[in-house]
Amino acid sequence: MRSTQQFSITLPNEMADAVKSKVASGEYATESEVIREGLRALMARDRAVESWLHNQVGPAYDALKANPSRAVTIEDVRAKLAAELEDHQS
């Protein structure tokens, strides 16, 4: 059984030109290599987002739910950002 599958894809001209340019420059040997590299980058980004959600967002949500007094209002955030901006401009 093959460990690869063949696909036929359609790209906007700008993306197709970018793929061809990568091959023409010698950075990649084939168009398939360019597409595979793009998919690897997309999959890495997806894993990073999933990790962030699991390791940081979820626990922060659970902590806030357990202790709602830790919540910060949007007005507090705006005031803090305005104060920091003013400190940097001074």
Protein backbone atom coordinates (compact mmCIF):
# COMPACT_ATOMS: atom_id res chain seq x y z
CA MET A 1 0.00 0.00 0.00
CA ARG A 2 1.27 3.46 -0.90
CA SER A 3 2.16 5.90 1.87
CA THR A 4 1.20 8.86 -0.28
CA GLN A 5 -1.89 10.05 -2.11
CA GLN A 6 -2.08 12.15 -5.21
CA PHE A 7 -4.30 15.23 -5.23
CA SER A 8 -5.27 17.74 -7.83
CA ILE A 9 -5.62 21.21 -6.32
CA THR A 10 -6.58 24.63 -7.62
CA LEU A 11 -4.81 27.72 -6.31
CA PRO A 12 -5.34 31.40 -6.91
CA ASN A 13 -2.76 32.75 -9.39
CA GLU A 14 -0.85 34.57 -6.66
CA MET A 15 -0.42 31.38 -4.61
CA ALA A 16 0.46 29.32 -7.68
CA ASP A 17 3.11 31.90 -8.62
CA ALA A 18 4.52 31.75 -5.08
CA VAL A 19 4.78 27.95 -5.27
CA LYS A 20 6.48 28.12 -8.68
CA SER A 21 8.84 30.80 -7.43
CA LYS A 22 9.95 28.63 -4.49
CA VAL A 23 10.78 25.81 -6.90
CA ALA A 24 12.46 28.09 -9.46
CA SER A 25 14.69 29.58 -6.76
CA GLY A 26 15.91 26.10 -5.83
CA GLU A 27 14.53 26.40 -2.31
CA TYR A 28 12.36 23.34 -3.02
CA ALA A 29 12.74 20.61 -5.62
CA THR A 30 9.04 20.25 -6.47
CA GLU A 31 5.71 21.96 -6.07
CA SER A 32 4.64 19.08 -3.83
CA GLU A 33 7.48 19.84 -1.42
CA VAL A 34 6.29 23.45 -1.15
CA ILE A 35 2.73 22.36 -0.41
CA ARG A 36 3.90 19.75 2.14
CA GLU A 37 5.99 22.36 3.94
CA GLY A 38 3.00 24.70 4.07
CA LEU A 39 0.82 21.94 5.51
CA ARG A 40 3.48 21.09 8.11
CA ALA A 41 3.53 24.74 9.18
CA LEU A 42 -0.28 24.80 9.37
CA MET A 43 -0.32 21.62 11.45
CA ALA A 44 2.36 23.02 13.79
CA ARG A 45 0.30 26.19 14.26
CA ASP A 46 -2.79 24.11 15.00
CA ARG A 47 -0.85 22.09 17.61
CA ALA A 48 0.46 25.30 19.20
CA VAL A 49 -3.03 26.79 19.44
CA GLU A 50 -4.41 23.54 20.89
CA SER A 51 -1.59 23.45 23.44
CA TRP A 52 -2.19 27.09 24.42
CA LEU A 53 -5.90 26.46 24.85
CA HIS A 54 -5.29 23.33 26.93
CA ASN A 55 -2.38 24.60 29.06
CA GLN A 56 -3.22 28.29 29.54
CA VAL A 57 -6.72 29.28 28.51
CA GLY A 58 -8.52 26.32 30.10
CA PRO A 59 -6.84 26.66 33.49
CA ALA A 60 -7.34 30.44 33.47
CA TYR A 61 -11.04 29.95 32.73
CA ASP A 62 -11.34 27.33 35.48
CA ALA A 63 -9.58 29.64 37.97
CA LEU A 64 -11.87 32.53 37.08
CA LYS A 65 -14.95 30.35 37.34
CA ALA A 66 -13.80 29.14 40.77
CA ASN A 67 -13.09 32.69 41.95
CA PRO A 68 -15.06 35.30 39.97
CA SER A 69 -13.61 38.10 42.10
CA ARG A 70 -10.43 37.73 40.01
CA ALA A 71 -12.29 39.14 36.99
CA VAL A 72 -11.13 42.42 35.51
CA THR A 73 -13.55 44.77 33.79
CA ILE A 74 -12.91 46.18 30.35
CA GLU A 75 -12.80 49.63 31.93
CA ASP A 76 -9.96 48.49 34.21
CA VAL A 77 -8.06 47.07 31.24
CA ARG A 78 -8.50 50.29 29.25
CA ALA A 79 -7.37 52.41 32.20
CA LYS A 80 -4.27 50.27 32.72
CA LEU A 81 -3.39 50.36 29.02
CA ALA A 82 -3.90 54.14 28.89
CA ALA A 83 -1.64 54.57 31.93
CA GLU A 84 1.06 52.37 30.38
CA LEU A 85 0.83 54.28 27.12
CA GLU A 86 1.18 57.57 28.96
CA ASP A 87 4.20 56.25 30.88
CA HIS A 88 5.89 55.24 27.61
CA GLN A 89 5.18 58.61 26.00
CA SER A 90 6.61 60.56 28.93
